[in-house]
Protein backbone atom coordinates (compact mmCIF):
# COMPACT_ATOMS: atom_id res chain seq x y z
CA MET A 1 23.25 2.86 16.84
CA ALA A 2 20.89 4.30 14.00
CA THR A 3 17.98 3.65 12.66
CA LEU A 4 17.94 3.83 8.59
CA ALA A 5 14.64 2.99 7.42
CA ILE A 6 11.30 0.60 7.09
CA SER A 7 12.65 -1.97 5.05
CA HIS A 8 9.93 -4.27 4.39
CA VAL A 9 6.51 -5.26 5.28
CA THR A 10 5.13 -9.03 6.53
CA LEU A 11 1.46 -9.73 5.68
CA ALA A 12 -0.01 -12.66 7.11
CA THR A 13 -2.55 -14.94 5.04
CA GLU A 14 -4.09 -18.13 4.96
CA ASP A 15 -3.67 -18.15 1.11
CA VAL A 16 -0.76 -16.88 0.16
CA GLU A 17 -0.74 -18.12 -3.10
CA ARG A 18 -4.21 -16.07 -3.73
CA MET A 19 -2.29 -12.96 -2.49
CA THR A 20 1.03 -13.99 -4.41
CA GLY A 21 -1.68 -13.96 -7.62
CA PHE A 22 -3.72 -10.79 -6.46
CA PHE A 23 -0.47 -8.30 -5.17
CA GLY A 24 1.70 -9.68 -8.54
CA THR A 25 -0.73 -8.83 -11.45
CA VAL A 26 -2.24 -5.51 -9.47
CA PHE A 27 0.79 -3.85 -9.14
CA GLU A 28 2.60 -5.42 -12.21
CA VAL A 29 5.72 -6.69 -10.24
CA MET A 30 7.31 -10.71 -10.79
CA PRO A 31 7.70 -12.42 -7.16
CA TYR A 32 11.09 -12.43 -5.94
CA PHE A 33 10.57 -16.26 -4.01
CA ALA A 34 7.10 -17.56 -4.00
CA ASN A 35 6.07 -21.42 -2.80
CA LYS A 36 2.56 -22.00 -0.71
CA GLU A 37 3.77 -20.93 2.86
CA PHE A 38 5.42 -17.73 1.49
CA SER A 39 6.09 -14.75 -0.88
CA GLU A 40 8.22 -12.24 -1.09
CA PHE A 41 8.03 -9.29 -3.20
CA VAL A 42 11.17 -6.69 -4.33
CA LEU A 43 9.89 -3.37 -5.42
CA LYS A 44 11.97 -0.83 -7.19
CA SER A 45 12.86 1.07 -4.08
CA GLY A 46 14.48 -1.98 -2.53
CA PHE A 47 11.09 -2.32 -0.49
CA ARG A 48 10.50 -5.68 0.22
CA VAL A 49 6.79 -6.94 0.69
CA ALA A 50 6.09 -10.34 1.63
CA PHE A 51 3.05 -13.13 2.35
CA PHE A 52 3.10 -15.81 4.85
CA ARG A 53 0.88 -18.36 5.81
CA PRO A 54 1.23 -18.43 10.07
CA VAL A 55 2.11 -22.56 10.85
CA GLY A 56 3.95 -23.21 13.28
CA LYS A 57 5.11 -20.93 16.32
CA THR A 58 4.47 -18.35 14.08
CA ALA A 59 0.73 -19.24 14.16
CA LYS A 60 0.97 -18.12 17.98
CA THR A 61 1.96 -14.67 17.49
CA PHE A 62 0.47 -14.17 14.34
CA ASP A 63 -3.60 -14.29 13.49
CA ALA A 64 -4.33 -14.30 9.18
CA SER A 65 -7.97 -13.72 10.45
CA GLY A 66 -7.54 -10.47 12.20
CA SER A 67 -8.63 -7.33 11.59
CA ARG A 68 -6.72 -5.23 8.66
CA LYS A 69 -9.01 -2.25 9.57
CA VAL A 70 -6.12 -0.40 11.44
CA PHE A 71 -3.33 0.24 9.19
CA SER A 72 -3.30 1.23 5.67
CA LEU A 73 -0.17 0.56 3.73
CA GLY A 74 0.90 3.11 1.21
CA ILE A 75 2.56 2.23 -2.46
CA THR A 76 3.50 4.40 -5.57
CA VAL A 77 2.57 4.30 -9.04
CA SER A 78 3.50 6.67 -11.69
CA ASP A 79 -0.31 7.38 -12.92
CA VAL A 80 -2.49 7.02 -10.09
CA ASP A 81 -5.46 7.59 -13.06
CA ALA A 82 -4.17 4.78 -15.25
CA PHE A 83 -3.39 2.39 -12.64
CA PHE A 84 -7.36 2.72 -11.43
CA THR A 85 -8.64 1.97 -14.71
CA ARG A 86 -6.83 -1.00 -14.90
CA TYR A 87 -7.37 -2.04 -11.63
CA GLU A 88 -11.21 -1.97 -12.07
CA SER A 89 -10.61 -3.80 -15.24
CA LEU A 90 -9.12 -6.43 -13.02
CA ASN A 91 -11.24 -6.42 -10.34
CA ASP A 92 -14.05 -8.90 -11.36
CA LYS A 93 -11.33 -11.83 -11.80
CA LEU A 94 -9.30 -10.95 -8.55
CA GLY A 95 -11.32 -10.07 -6.27
CA GLY A 96 -10.66 -7.01 -3.55
CA SER A 97 -12.27 -3.70 -3.78
CA HIS A 98 -11.83 0.14 -3.81
CA GLU A 99 -13.08 3.33 -1.86
CA GLY A 100 -14.06 5.21 -5.32
CA ALA A 101 -11.67 7.33 -7.72
CA PRO A 102 -8.21 8.87 -7.14
CA LYS A 103 -8.45 12.38 -5.67
CA SER A 104 -6.28 15.12 -5.29
CA HIS A 105 -4.64 16.50 -1.93
CA PRO A 106 -3.64 19.86 -1.04
CA TRP A 107 -0.66 18.70 0.14
CA GLY A 108 0.42 17.66 -3.98
CA GLU A 109 -0.47 13.89 -4.06
CA LYS A 110 -3.48 11.88 -5.26
CA SER A 111 -4.41 8.83 -4.28
CA PHE A 112 -7.24 5.85 -3.66
CA LEU A 113 -8.18 3.13 -1.27
CA LEU A 114 -7.85 -0.29 -2.64
CA ILE A 115 -9.05 -2.94 -0.06
CA ASP A 116 -7.44 -6.63 -1.13
CA PRO A 117 -9.14 -9.96 -0.51
CA ASP A 118 -7.51 -10.38 2.22
CA GLY A 119 -8.88 -6.69 3.62
CA ASN A 120 -5.42 -5.16 3.74
CA HIS A 121 -5.88 -1.44 2.81
CA TRP A 122 -3.76 -0.12 -0.07
CA GLU A 123 -3.35 3.88 -0.10
CA VAL A 124 -2.23 3.74 -3.70
CA THR A 125 -0.76 7.24 -4.99
CA GLN A 126 0.99 9.35 -7.07
CA SER A 127 3.73 11.47 -5.30
CA PRO A 128 4.92 14.89 -7.28
CA SER A 129 8.41 13.61 -5.84
CA GLN A 130 11.07 12.65 -8.61
CA ASN A 131 11.72 9.48 -7.03
CA GLY A 132 8.40 8.60 -6.01
CA MET A 133 8.20 8.74 -1.77
CA LEU A 134 6.06 11.17 -0.63
CA VAL A 135 7.05 14.78 -0.67
CA ASN A 136 9.56 15.83 1.78
CA ARG A 137 7.01 18.17 4.54
CA LYS A 138 9.77 21.26 3.96
CA GLU A 139 8.87 21.28 0.49
CA THR A 140 5.40 21.18 1.28
CA ARG A 141 5.55 23.88 4.38
CA ASN A 142 4.16 26.22 2.08
CA VAL A 143 1.19 24.45 1.21
CA ARG A 144 0.25 23.85 4.33
CA ALA A 145 0.93 26.96 5.74
CA GLN A 146 -1.93 28.50 2.73
CA LEU A 147 -4.71 25.38 3.74
CA PRO A 148 -8.14 26.67 6.34
CA VAL A 149 -7.22 25.64 10.27
CA GLY A 150 -7.83 21.57 10.49
CA SER A 151 -7.40 21.24 6.83
CA GLY A 152 -4.24 19.21 6.54
CA PRO A 153 -2.79 16.32 6.95
CA ARG A 154 -2.67 15.69 10.65
CA SER A 155 -6.35 16.65 11.08
CA GLY A 156 -7.56 13.56 11.51
CA GLY A 157 -6.85 13.03 7.38
CA SER A 158 -5.04 10.21 6.18
CA ARG A 159 -1.55 11.34 6.11
CA SER A 160 -0.15 11.54 9.81
């Protein structure tokens, strides 16, 4: 048996329609499926993002009102500066917030933190790789070797 991939994330919410509208509008993607209880988006990479309202047995396991400050979800865009400018123009209408303009990181990416109306944290990233995925550690080994001690991704920064 082999682990193949992390294929999806499913987020509990009290308002599936609001989160479906927010995600679809902000990330410019149409839902693959959507109703009042559940929605699912399939990104170009094949990764799926779903929102659901915990009812019945799932309400015993999932809490839509729980803290969202223990994780962030990474999503890669082709131009993070253009995305940020567009998001700021939509923010009053859609809700949510951000932690400031995109900033460049020593490992070659540029990102900012977007917080959706439910409080989920989305690290919106522009990656230097061709496929939009995070850069392979082998490719960044030389970059990290040039960083001062304690400034790399494992020094308490946003990358583990």
